[in-house]
Structure formats: structure tokens, C-alpha cells
Amino acid sequence: MSSDREWIDVVDDSDRVVGQTTRGEAYARGLCHRVTFVLARDERDRIFVHRRTATKKVHPGMYDMFVGGVVGAGETYDDAALREAEEELGVSGLPRPTRLFTFRYEGADGQSWWSTVYEVRCALPVQPQQEEVDWYAFLPEEEVERRLTEWAWAPDSLAAWPRLRRATREAGSARGSGGGEHH
């Protein structure tokens, strides 16, 4: 089945489900829906970065530091994050990704979606989907930061990246100060 014909939940400004439609219809009409972003790190703490294929409907040919995608109708963010990470990385048996935060993305093109950001450790050899990924590498975080001004990145990932950096810094300082887990 074409991804345009997959059923997804339509959500309101508070991320409550208000209906269902096909993915193609949601994009054509600019209906708010749900997506997941999963930052995959290898055993050396490097980040999986990839360039999206030119045939991708959203942000074709752009670089991305997240894997993930649209949450299916009736699917939870958590289930979608694991499914999408395994599909895009071409692996099975990943640990369940750790949920970090949720934010609403508002694109310059009028598209918007509620985005839940996760992190997962991938110690498995990856075999990304050829129809989704043109190029990939695991890069140190410093290199990802340096490449932010050099490469054309997916705008929604660029919106998620500083929020991720802030969330991980806050979580690290909460752990370092003896504080509890931060949500």
C-alpha cells in the first residue's frame, strides 16, 4: 500500500484525536497529525545521520539526524517510534526508545504536526531502507553541530534539534545535582 493511502489520526491544537484520514489527504489539506523523531546512537555514542531520498514526499533530498515518521491511526507514539526506528534503520530487536519530549512543529509551508522525540541505542549493524535513505553515517555530535550550517537539513528536524540539546542538558544537570528524573 502506498504511504499516501495509510490511515492516520488527525489531532487538534491539544494533540487530541479529532478524526482519521489518509496520510495523503492530511498533507494535501494541511491537517495536523502525529509523528515521531528518534535519535539513534551507536555504541560509541555517535548519531545516525542520513540524507533522505529524492522521492520522499516530505523534505526530499535533505539531511536528517532523526529517524521516525507518521504515527498510524490508533497507534501510540511509543509503538510508532519503535516501528519506525526498526524500519528505517533496517534492524529488528531494538530496545524500546526512551521518550524525551513532545512539541508542535509548524512548517513554513503550512504543514503542522505534533512531534514526540525519542532516543535509542542501536548496537546492531544497520541496513537502512534504500527507498528512504540515500546516504548515512554515524557521526559524533560535534560533527553534527558543525554540519548544521553546511548541509540542507529537514526543517522539522532543525526545529527538534535545539529542543533535544536543551532536554539532554537539563536531564544531565538534574542527574548531576542529585535530582530525580526530569520529564
N, C-alpha and C. Protein backbone atom coordinates (compact mmCIF):
# COMPACT_ATOMS: atom_id res chain seq x y z
N MET A 1 0.84 -1.18 0.00
CA MET A 1 0.00 0.00 0.00
C MET A 1 0.89 1.24 0.00
N SER A 2 0.55 2.21 -0.82
CA SER A 2 1.26 3.48 -0.87
C SER A 2 1.12 4.20 0.48
N SER A 3 2.19 4.90 0.89
CA SER A 3 2.12 5.61 2.17
C SER A 3 1.02 6.67 2.16
N ASP A 4 0.68 7.21 0.98
CA ASP A 4 -0.40 8.20 0.88
C ASP A 4 -1.75 7.61 1.27
N ARG A 5 -1.88 6.29 1.18
CA ARG A 5 -3.17 5.65 1.49
C ARG A 5 -3.22 5.09 2.91
N GLU A 6 -2.13 5.24 3.68
CA GLU A 6 -2.14 4.80 5.08
C GLU A 6 -3.08 5.70 5.88
N TRP A 7 -3.81 5.11 6.81
CA TRP A 7 -4.72 5.88 7.67
C TRP A 7 -3.97 6.42 8.87
N ILE A 8 -4.23 7.69 9.19
CA ILE A 8 -3.60 8.34 10.34
C ILE A 8 -4.65 9.10 11.13
N ASP A 9 -4.31 9.41 12.38
CA ASP A 9 -5.19 10.22 13.22
C ASP A 9 -4.95 11.70 12.93
N VAL A 10 -6.03 12.46 12.87
CA VAL A 10 -5.98 13.92 12.79
C VAL A 10 -6.15 14.41 14.22
N VAL A 11 -5.32 15.39 14.63
CA VAL A 11 -5.36 15.88 16.02
C VAL A 11 -5.59 17.39 16.05
N ASP A 12 -6.04 17.86 17.21
CA ASP A 12 -6.30 19.29 17.39
C ASP A 12 -5.09 19.99 18.01
N ASP A 13 -5.28 21.24 18.41
CA ASP A 13 -4.19 22.04 18.97
C ASP A 13 -3.67 21.51 20.30
N SER A 14 -4.44 20.60 20.93
CA SER A 14 -4.01 20.00 22.20
C SER A 14 -3.58 18.55 22.01
N ASP A 15 -3.37 18.12 20.78
CA ASP A 15 -2.94 16.76 20.44
C ASP A 15 -3.99 15.71 20.79
N ARG A 16 -5.25 16.09 20.72
CA ARG A 16 -6.35 15.13 20.92
C ARG A 16 -6.86 14.68 19.55
N VAL A 17 -7.13 13.40 19.43
CA VAL A 17 -7.62 12.85 18.16
C VAL A 17 -9.02 13.40 17.88
N VAL A 18 -9.20 13.98 16.68
CA VAL A 18 -10.49 14.54 16.29
C VAL A 18 -11.04 13.88 15.03
N GLY A 19 -10.28 12.94 14.47
CA GLY A 19 -10.74 12.25 13.28
C GLY A 19 -9.63 11.40 12.69
N GLN A 20 -9.93 10.79 11.56
CA GLN A 20 -8.95 10.00 10.84
C GLN A 20 -9.08 10.28 9.36
N THR A 21 -7.97 10.17 8.66
CA THR A 21 -7.94 10.36 7.22
C THR A 21 -6.72 9.64 6.68
N THR A 22 -6.57 9.67 5.37
CA THR A 22 -5.36 9.09 4.80
C THR A 22 -4.22 10.07 4.93
N ARG A 23 -3.03 9.55 4.91
CA ARG A 23 -1.84 10.38 5.02
C ARG A 23 -1.79 11.39 3.87
N GLY A 24 -2.09 10.95 2.67
CA GLY A 24 -2.08 11.85 1.51
C GLY A 24 -3.06 13.01 1.67
N GLU A 25 -4.25 12.70 2.18
CA GLU A 25 -5.26 13.74 2.41
C GLU A 25 -4.80 14.71 3.50
N ALA A 26 -4.19 14.20 4.55
CA ALA A 26 -3.70 15.05 5.64
C ALA A 26 -2.69 16.06 5.12
N TYR A 27 -1.75 15.60 4.28
CA TYR A 27 -0.75 16.51 3.72
C TYR A 27 -1.37 17.47 2.71
N ALA A 28 -2.28 16.97 1.88
CA ALA A 28 -2.91 17.82 0.87
C ALA A 28 -3.71 18.95 1.51
N ARG A 29 -4.36 18.67 2.64
CA ARG A 29 -5.22 19.66 3.30
C ARG A 29 -4.54 20.36 4.48
N GLY A 30 -3.29 20.00 4.78
CA GLY A 30 -2.57 20.62 5.89
C GLY A 30 -3.17 20.28 7.25
N LEU A 31 -3.67 19.05 7.41
CA LEU A 31 -4.28 18.63 8.68
C LEU A 31 -3.20 18.22 9.68
N CYS A 32 -3.36 18.68 10.90
CA CYS A 32 -2.40 18.37 11.95
C CYS A 32 -2.50 16.88 12.32
N HIS A 33 -1.36 16.23 12.44
CA HIS A 33 -1.31 14.81 12.77
C HIS A 33 -0.12 14.56 13.70
N ARG A 34 0.25 13.31 13.89
CA ARG A 34 1.31 12.94 14.84
C ARG A 34 2.49 12.29 14.12
N VAL A 35 3.70 12.63 14.58
CA VAL A 35 4.91 12.00 14.06
C VAL A 35 5.86 11.70 15.22
N THR A 36 6.80 10.81 14.94
CA THR A 36 7.86 10.52 15.92
C THR A 36 9.21 10.90 15.32
N PHE A 37 10.11 11.32 16.18
CA PHE A 37 11.50 11.58 15.85
C PHE A 37 12.32 10.70 16.79
N VAL A 38 13.21 9.89 16.25
CA VAL A 38 14.04 9.02 17.08
C VAL A 38 15.50 9.30 16.77
N LEU A 39 16.23 9.75 17.78
CA LEU A 39 17.67 9.94 17.64
C LEU A 39 18.32 8.60 17.97
N ALA A 40 19.00 8.02 16.98
CA ALA A 40 19.65 6.72 17.18
C ALA A 40 21.15 6.93 17.39
N ARG A 41 21.64 6.40 18.48
CA ARG A 41 23.08 6.48 18.78
C ARG A 41 23.66 5.07 18.74
N ASP A 42 24.91 4.98 18.26
CA ASP A 42 25.57 3.67 18.27
C ASP A 42 26.28 3.46 19.60
N GLU A 43 27.02 2.36 19.70
CA GLU A 43 27.69 2.03 20.97
C GLU A 43 28.80 3.02 21.31
N ARG A 44 29.25 3.83 20.35
CA ARG A 44 30.27 4.85 20.60
C ARG A 44 29.64 6.23 20.80
N ASP A 45 28.32 6.27 20.95
CA ASP A 45 27.56 7.49 21.21
C ASP A 45 27.45 8.41 19.98
N ARG A 46 27.79 7.91 18.82
CA ARG A 46 27.65 8.70 17.59
C ARG A 46 26.19 8.67 17.15
N ILE A 47 25.80 9.68 16.40
CA ILE A 47 24.40 9.87 15.98
C ILE A 47 24.23 9.40 14.54
N PHE A 48 23.17 8.63 14.30
CA PHE A 48 22.83 8.20 12.94
C PHE A 48 22.29 9.41 12.18
N VAL A 49 22.97 9.78 11.10
CA VAL A 49 22.57 10.89 10.24
C VAL A 49 22.38 10.32 8.85
N HIS A 50 21.36 10.79 8.15
CA HIS A 50 21.13 10.30 6.81
C HIS A 50 20.60 11.40 5.90
N ARG A 51 20.71 11.13 4.59
CA ARG A 51 20.10 12.02 3.60
C ARG A 51 18.88 11.29 3.05
N ARG A 52 17.78 11.96 3.08
CA ARG A 52 16.52 11.39 2.59
C ARG A 52 16.56 11.25 1.07
N THR A 53 15.91 10.24 0.53
CA THR A 53 15.89 10.07 -0.92
C THR A 53 15.12 11.21 -1.57
N ALA A 54 15.41 11.42 -2.84
CA ALA A 54 14.74 12.48 -3.60
C ALA A 54 13.26 12.15 -3.83
N THR A 55 12.86 10.91 -3.60
CA THR A 55 11.47 10.51 -3.82
C THR A 55 10.60 10.64 -2.57
N LYS A 56 11.19 11.03 -1.43
CA LYS A 56 10.41 11.20 -0.20
C LYS A 56 9.41 12.35 -0.40
N LYS A 57 8.19 12.15 0.10
CA LYS A 57 7.15 13.17 -0.04
C LYS A 57 7.47 14.43 0.78
N VAL A 58 8.01 14.22 1.98
CA VAL A 58 8.31 15.34 2.88
C VAL A 58 9.84 15.51 2.95
N HIS A 59 10.30 16.71 2.67
CA HIS A 59 11.72 17.09 2.75
C HIS A 59 12.63 16.17 1.94
N PRO A 60 12.33 15.95 0.66
CA PRO A 60 13.17 15.07 -0.16
C PRO A 60 14.59 15.61 -0.30
N GLY A 61 15.56 14.68 -0.28
CA GLY A 61 16.96 15.02 -0.50
C GLY A 61 17.63 15.77 0.62
N MET A 62 16.95 15.97 1.74
CA MET A 62 17.53 16.73 2.85
C MET A 62 18.14 15.79 3.88
N TYR A 63 19.06 16.34 4.65
CA TYR A 63 19.71 15.57 5.72
C TYR A 63 18.80 15.55 6.94
N ASP A 64 18.99 14.51 7.76
CA ASP A 64 18.17 14.34 8.96
C ASP A 64 18.99 13.62 10.02
N MET A 65 18.88 14.08 11.26
CA MET A 65 19.56 13.42 12.37
C MET A 65 18.59 12.54 13.17
N PHE A 66 17.37 12.43 12.68
CA PHE A 66 16.36 11.59 13.32
C PHE A 66 15.82 10.59 12.31
N VAL A 67 15.44 9.42 12.79
CA VAL A 67 14.61 8.51 12.02
C VAL A 67 13.22 8.62 12.63
N GLY A 68 12.24 8.09 11.98
CA GLY A 68 10.89 8.17 12.53
C GLY A 68 9.90 8.39 11.42
N GLY A 69 8.72 8.82 11.79
CA GLY A 69 7.71 9.03 10.79
C GLY A 69 6.34 9.22 11.37
N VAL A 70 5.36 9.11 10.51
CA VAL A 70 3.98 9.36 10.87
C VAL A 70 3.42 8.23 11.74
N VAL A 71 2.68 8.62 12.76
CA VAL A 71 2.01 7.66 13.65
C VAL A 71 0.73 7.20 12.95
N GLY A 72 0.52 5.90 12.88
CA GLY A 72 -0.66 5.34 12.23
C GLY A 72 -1.93 5.56 13.04
N ALA A 73 -3.07 5.42 12.39
CA ALA A 73 -4.37 5.57 13.06
C ALA A 73 -4.47 4.57 14.21
N GLY A 74 -4.77 5.07 15.40
CA GLY A 74 -4.93 4.22 16.56
C GLY A 74 -3.62 3.75 17.18
N GLU A 75 -2.50 4.11 16.61
CA GLU A 75 -1.19 3.69 17.10
C GLU A 75 -0.70 4.67 18.16
N THR A 76 0.05 4.20 19.14
CA THR A 76 0.63 5.11 20.14
C THR A 76 1.94 5.68 19.60
N TYR A 77 2.33 6.82 20.15
CA TYR A 77 3.63 7.39 19.80
C TYR A 77 4.73 6.36 20.08
N ASP A 78 4.67 5.71 21.25
CA ASP A 78 5.72 4.77 21.64
C ASP A 78 5.85 3.61 20.66
N ASP A 79 4.72 3.04 20.26
CA ASP A 79 4.75 1.93 19.30
C ASP A 79 5.27 2.40 17.94
N ALA A 80 4.84 3.57 17.51
CA ALA A 80 5.28 4.11 16.22
C ALA A 80 6.78 4.39 16.24
N ALA A 81 7.30 4.89 17.36
CA ALA A 81 8.73 5.20 17.45
C ALA A 81 9.57 3.93 17.25
N LEU A 82 9.20 2.86 17.92
CA LEU A 82 9.94 1.60 17.77
C LEU A 82 9.79 1.06 16.35
N ARG A 83 8.57 1.02 15.83
CA ARG A 83 8.33 0.51 14.48
C ARG A 83 9.13 1.30 13.44
N GLU A 84 9.03 2.61 13.50
CA GLU A 84 9.71 3.45 12.52
C GLU A 84 11.23 3.35 12.63
N ALA A 85 11.76 3.32 13.85
CA ALA A 85 13.21 3.20 14.02
C ALA A 85 13.72 1.89 13.43
N GLU A 86 13.02 0.79 13.72
CA GLU A 86 13.45 -0.51 13.18
C GLU A 86 13.33 -0.53 11.65
N GLU A 87 12.25 0.03 11.11
CA GLU A 87 12.07 0.06 9.65
C GLU A 87 13.16 0.88 8.98
N GLU A 88 13.37 2.10 9.45
CA GLU A 88 14.32 2.99 8.78
C GLU A 88 15.77 2.56 8.96
N LEU A 89 16.10 2.00 10.12
CA LEU A 89 17.47 1.53 10.34
C LEU A 89 17.70 0.15 9.74
N GLY A 90 16.61 -0.55 9.42
CA GLY A 90 16.73 -1.89 8.85
C GLY A 90 17.21 -2.92 9.85
N VAL A 91 16.70 -2.83 11.09
CA VAL A 91 17.09 -3.75 12.15
C VAL A 91 15.83 -4.27 12.84
N SER A 92 15.99 -5.32 13.62
CA SER A 92 14.90 -5.76 14.49
C SER A 92 15.52 -6.08 15.84
N GLY A 93 14.71 -5.93 16.88
CA GLY A 93 15.19 -6.19 18.22
C GLY A 93 15.80 -5.00 18.93
N LEU A 94 15.47 -3.78 18.47
CA LEU A 94 15.94 -2.58 19.18
C LEU A 94 15.29 -2.52 20.55
N PRO A 95 15.98 -1.94 21.53
CA PRO A 95 15.29 -1.66 22.79
C PRO A 95 14.23 -0.59 22.55
N ARG A 96 13.22 -0.54 23.41
CA ARG A 96 12.18 0.48 23.24
C ARG A 96 12.82 1.86 23.40
N PRO A 97 12.60 2.76 22.43
CA PRO A 97 13.17 4.11 22.54
C PRO A 97 12.67 4.85 23.79
N THR A 98 13.52 5.68 24.34
CA THR A 98 13.19 6.48 25.52
C THR A 98 12.53 7.78 25.07
N ARG A 99 11.33 8.02 25.59
CA ARG A 99 10.59 9.24 25.24
C ARG A 99 11.23 10.42 25.98
N LEU A 100 11.48 11.51 25.23
CA LEU A 100 12.13 12.68 25.81
C LEU A 100 11.19 13.86 25.98
N PHE A 101 10.45 14.23 24.92
CA PHE A 101 9.54 15.37 25.00
C PHE A 101 8.65 15.41 23.75
N THR A 102 7.63 16.27 23.81
CA THR A 102 6.72 16.47 22.69
C THR A 102 6.64 17.96 22.39
N PHE A 103 6.57 18.30 21.10
CA PHE A 103 6.38 19.70 20.71
C PHE A 103 5.56 19.74 19.42
N ARG A 104 4.99 20.89 19.14
CA ARG A 104 4.24 21.04 17.90
C ARG A 104 5.11 21.75 16.88
N TYR A 105 5.26 21.11 15.73
CA TYR A 105 6.02 21.69 14.63
C TYR A 105 5.06 22.45 13.72
N GLU A 106 5.43 23.67 13.37
CA GLU A 106 4.66 24.49 12.44
C GLU A 106 5.59 24.84 11.28
N GLY A 107 5.35 24.24 10.12
CA GLY A 107 6.21 24.47 8.97
C GLY A 107 5.85 25.73 8.22
N ALA A 108 6.83 26.29 7.52
CA ALA A 108 6.61 27.49 6.71
C ALA A 108 5.64 27.20 5.57
N ASP A 109 5.49 25.91 5.22
CA ASP A 109 4.60 25.52 4.13
C ASP A 109 3.17 25.29 4.58
N GLY A 110 2.86 25.61 5.85
CA GLY A 110 1.51 25.44 6.37
C GLY A 110 1.25 24.08 6.99
N GLN A 111 2.21 23.16 6.88
CA GLN A 111 2.06 21.84 7.50
C GLN A 111 2.37 21.94 8.99
N SER A 112 1.67 21.12 9.78
CA SER A 112 1.97 21.08 11.22
C SER A 112 1.72 19.68 11.74
N TRP A 113 2.49 19.33 12.75
CA TRP A 113 2.29 18.04 13.39
C TRP A 113 2.82 18.07 14.80
N TRP A 114 2.18 17.26 15.64
CA TRP A 114 2.68 17.03 16.99
C TRP A 114 3.79 16.01 16.87
N SER A 115 4.92 16.31 17.49
CA SER A 115 6.13 15.52 17.34
C SER A 115 6.62 15.05 18.71
N THR A 116 6.73 13.74 18.87
CA THR A 116 7.32 13.22 20.11
C THR A 116 8.72 12.73 19.78
N VAL A 117 9.68 13.20 20.56
CA VAL A 117 11.10 12.94 20.32
C VAL A 117 11.59 11.88 21.29
N TYR A 118 12.35 10.94 20.74
CA TYR A 118 12.88 9.79 21.48
C TYR A 118 14.37 9.66 21.22
N GLU A 119 14.99 8.80 22.03
CA GLU A 119 16.38 8.41 21.80
C GLU A 119 16.46 6.90 21.98
N VAL A 120 17.31 6.26 21.16
CA VAL A 120 17.50 4.82 21.27
C VAL A 120 18.98 4.49 21.02
N ARG A 121 19.45 3.47 21.68
CA ARG A 121 20.81 2.96 21.48
C ARG A 121 20.72 1.82 20.48
N CYS A 122 21.47 1.92 19.39
CA CYS A 122 21.45 0.88 18.36
C CYS A 122 22.84 0.28 18.24
N ALA A 123 23.04 -0.87 18.86
CA ALA A 123 24.32 -1.56 18.80
C ALA A 123 24.34 -2.56 17.64
N LEU A 124 23.25 -2.64 16.89
CA LEU A 124 23.12 -3.59 15.78
C LEU A 124 23.66 -2.98 14.49
N PRO A 125 24.17 -3.79 13.57
CA PRO A 125 24.55 -3.24 12.27
C PRO A 125 23.29 -2.79 11.52
N VAL A 126 23.32 -1.58 10.99
CA VAL A 126 22.13 -1.03 10.33
C VAL A 126 22.15 -1.34 8.83
N GLN A 127 20.95 -1.46 8.27
CA GLN A 127 20.76 -1.64 6.83
C GLN A 127 19.56 -0.78 6.43
N PRO A 128 19.78 0.55 6.35
CA PRO A 128 18.66 1.47 6.09
C PRO A 128 17.91 1.14 4.79
N GLN A 129 16.62 1.47 4.80
CA GLN A 129 15.78 1.25 3.64
C GLN A 129 16.28 2.10 2.46
N GLN A 130 16.56 1.46 1.34
CA GLN A 130 17.06 2.18 0.17
C GLN A 130 16.03 3.17 -0.38
N GLU A 131 14.75 2.87 -0.21
CA GLU A 131 13.73 3.79 -0.73
C GLU A 131 13.56 5.03 0.15
N GLU A 132 14.17 5.01 1.35
CA GLU A 132 14.06 6.16 2.26
C GLU A 132 15.38 6.89 2.48
N VAL A 133 16.51 6.18 2.33
CA VAL A 133 17.82 6.72 2.72
C VAL A 133 18.81 6.62 1.55
N ASP A 134 19.34 7.79 1.10
CA ASP A 134 20.36 7.83 0.03
C ASP A 134 21.77 7.62 0.57
N TRP A 135 22.04 8.16 1.74
CA TRP A 135 23.37 8.13 2.35
C TRP A 135 23.19 8.13 3.85
N TYR A 136 24.13 7.52 4.58
CA TYR A 136 24.06 7.56 6.05
C TYR A 136 25.45 7.36 6.65
N ALA A 137 25.57 7.80 7.89
CA ALA A 137 26.78 7.58 8.68
C ALA A 137 26.43 7.83 10.14
N PHE A 138 27.20 7.24 11.03
CA PHE A 138 27.11 7.59 12.45
C PHE A 138 28.17 8.65 12.68
N LEU A 139 27.74 9.85 13.10
CA LEU A 139 28.65 10.98 13.27
C LEU A 139 28.72 11.41 14.73
N PRO A 140 29.90 11.86 15.17
CA PRO A 140 29.99 12.43 16.52
C PRO A 140 29.10 13.67 16.60
N GLU A 141 28.58 13.95 17.78
CA GLU A 141 27.68 15.08 17.96
C GLU A 141 28.32 16.39 17.51
N GLU A 142 29.62 16.56 17.76
CA GLU A 142 30.32 17.79 17.36
C GLU A 142 30.26 17.96 15.84
N GLU A 143 30.38 16.85 15.10
CA GLU A 143 30.31 16.96 13.64
C GLU A 143 28.89 17.30 13.19
N VAL A 144 27.89 16.73 13.83
CA VAL A 144 26.51 17.08 13.50
C VAL A 144 26.33 18.58 13.69
N GLU A 145 26.78 19.10 14.81
CA GLU A 145 26.67 20.54 15.09
C GLU A 145 27.36 21.36 13.99
N ARG A 146 28.55 20.94 13.59
CA ARG A 146 29.30 21.67 12.57
C ARG A 146 28.56 21.64 11.22
N ARG A 147 27.95 20.50 10.90
CA ARG A 147 27.28 20.33 9.61
C ARG A 147 25.93 21.07 9.53
N LEU A 148 25.41 21.53 10.66
CA LEU A 148 24.11 22.21 10.66
C LEU A 148 24.09 23.42 9.73
N THR A 149 25.22 24.10 9.59
CA THR A 149 25.29 25.28 8.72
C THR A 149 25.79 24.95 7.32
N GLU A 150 26.23 23.70 7.11
CA GLU A 150 26.81 23.33 5.81
C GLU A 150 25.86 22.52 4.94
N TRP A 151 24.98 21.74 5.53
CA TRP A 151 24.10 20.86 4.78
C TRP A 151 22.67 21.37 4.83
N ALA A 152 21.86 20.94 3.87
CA ALA A 152 20.43 21.27 3.85
C ALA A 152 19.69 20.22 4.70
N TRP A 153 19.17 20.66 5.85
CA TRP A 153 18.53 19.76 6.81
C TRP A 153 17.01 19.87 6.72
N ALA A 154 16.33 18.78 7.04
CA ALA A 154 14.87 18.78 7.12
C ALA A 154 14.46 19.82 8.17
N PRO A 155 13.58 20.77 7.81
CA PRO A 155 13.22 21.84 8.74
C PRO A 155 12.61 21.35 10.06
N ASP A 156 11.83 20.27 10.03
CA ASP A 156 11.24 19.79 11.29
C ASP A 156 12.31 19.22 12.22
N SER A 157 13.34 18.61 11.64
CA SER A 157 14.45 18.11 12.46
C SER A 157 15.27 19.26 13.04
N LEU A 158 15.44 20.32 12.23
CA LEU A 158 16.13 21.50 12.75
C LEU A 158 15.35 22.14 13.88
N ALA A 159 14.03 22.04 13.87
CA ALA A 159 13.21 22.56 14.96
C ALA A 159 13.35 21.68 16.20
N ALA A 160 13.51 20.37 16.00
CA ALA A 160 13.61 19.44 17.13
C ALA A 160 15.00 19.46 17.76
N TRP A 161 16.05 19.69 16.97
CA TRP A 161 17.43 19.57 17.45
C TRP A 161 17.75 20.45 18.66
N PRO A 162 17.50 21.77 18.64
CA PRO A 162 17.83 22.58 19.82
C PRO A 162 17.01 22.19 21.05
N ARG A 163 15.79 21.74 20.83
CA ARG A 163 14.96 21.27 21.94
C ARG A 163 15.57 20.00 22.55
N LEU A 164 16.08 19.12 21.69
CA LEU A 164 16.74 17.90 22.17
C LEU A 164 17.98 18.26 22.97
N ARG A 165 18.80 19.14 22.44
CA ARG A 165 20.04 19.55 23.14
C ARG A 165 19.70 20.13 24.51
N ARG A 166 18.66 20.97 24.58
CA ARG A 166 18.23 21.57 25.84
C ARG A 166 17.75 20.49 26.80
N ALA A 167 16.92 19.56 26.31
CA ALA A 167 16.37 18.49 27.16
C ALA A 167 17.47 17.59 27.70
N THR A 168 18.45 17.27 26.87
CA THR A 168 19.52 16.38 27.35
C THR A 168 20.44 17.11 28.33
N ARG A 169 20.66 18.41 28.12
CA ARG A 169 21.45 19.18 29.09
C ARG A 169 20.72 19.25 30.43
N GLU A 170 19.40 19.53 30.39
CA GLU A 170 18.62 19.61 31.63
C GLU A 170 18.59 18.27 32.35
N ALA A 171 18.42 17.18 31.60
CA ALA A 171 18.40 15.85 32.22
C ALA A 171 19.76 15.55 32.85
N GLY A 172 20.84 15.92 32.16
CA GLY A 172 22.18 15.69 32.70
C GLY A 172 22.44 16.49 33.95
N SER A 173 21.98 17.76 33.99
CA SER A 173 22.20 18.57 35.18
C SER A 173 21.31 18.09 36.33
N ALA A 174 20.12 17.58 36.04
CA ALA A 174 19.25 17.05 37.10
C ALA A 174 19.88 15.80 37.71
N ARG A 175 20.48 14.95 36.86
CA ARG A 175 21.15 13.75 37.39
C ARG A 175 22.38 14.15 38.20
N GLY A 176 23.13 15.15 37.69
CA GLY A 176 24.35 15.58 38.36
C GLY A 176 24.10 16.26 39.68
N SER A 177 22.92 16.89 39.84
CA SER A 177 22.62 17.59 41.08
C SER A 177 21.88 16.72 42.08
N GLY A 178 21.75 15.45 41.73
CA GLY A 178 21.02 14.54 42.64
C GLY A 178 19.53 14.60 42.48
N GLY A 179 19.07 15.39 41.48
CA GLY A 179 17.64 15.49 41.24
C GLY A 179 17.10 14.23 40.62
N GLY A 180 15.80 14.10 40.62
CA GLY A 180 15.16 12.94 40.05
C GLY A 180 15.09 13.03 38.54
N GLU A 181 14.45 12.06 37.97
CA GLU A 181 14.29 12.04 36.51
C GLU A 181 13.44 13.22 36.10
N HIS A 182 13.78 13.85 34.98
CA HIS A 182 13.12 15.07 34.53
C HIS A 182 12.23 14.75 33.33
N HIS A 183 10.96 15.16 33.39
CA HIS A 183 10.05 14.92 32.25
C HIS A 183 9.56 16.23 31.71
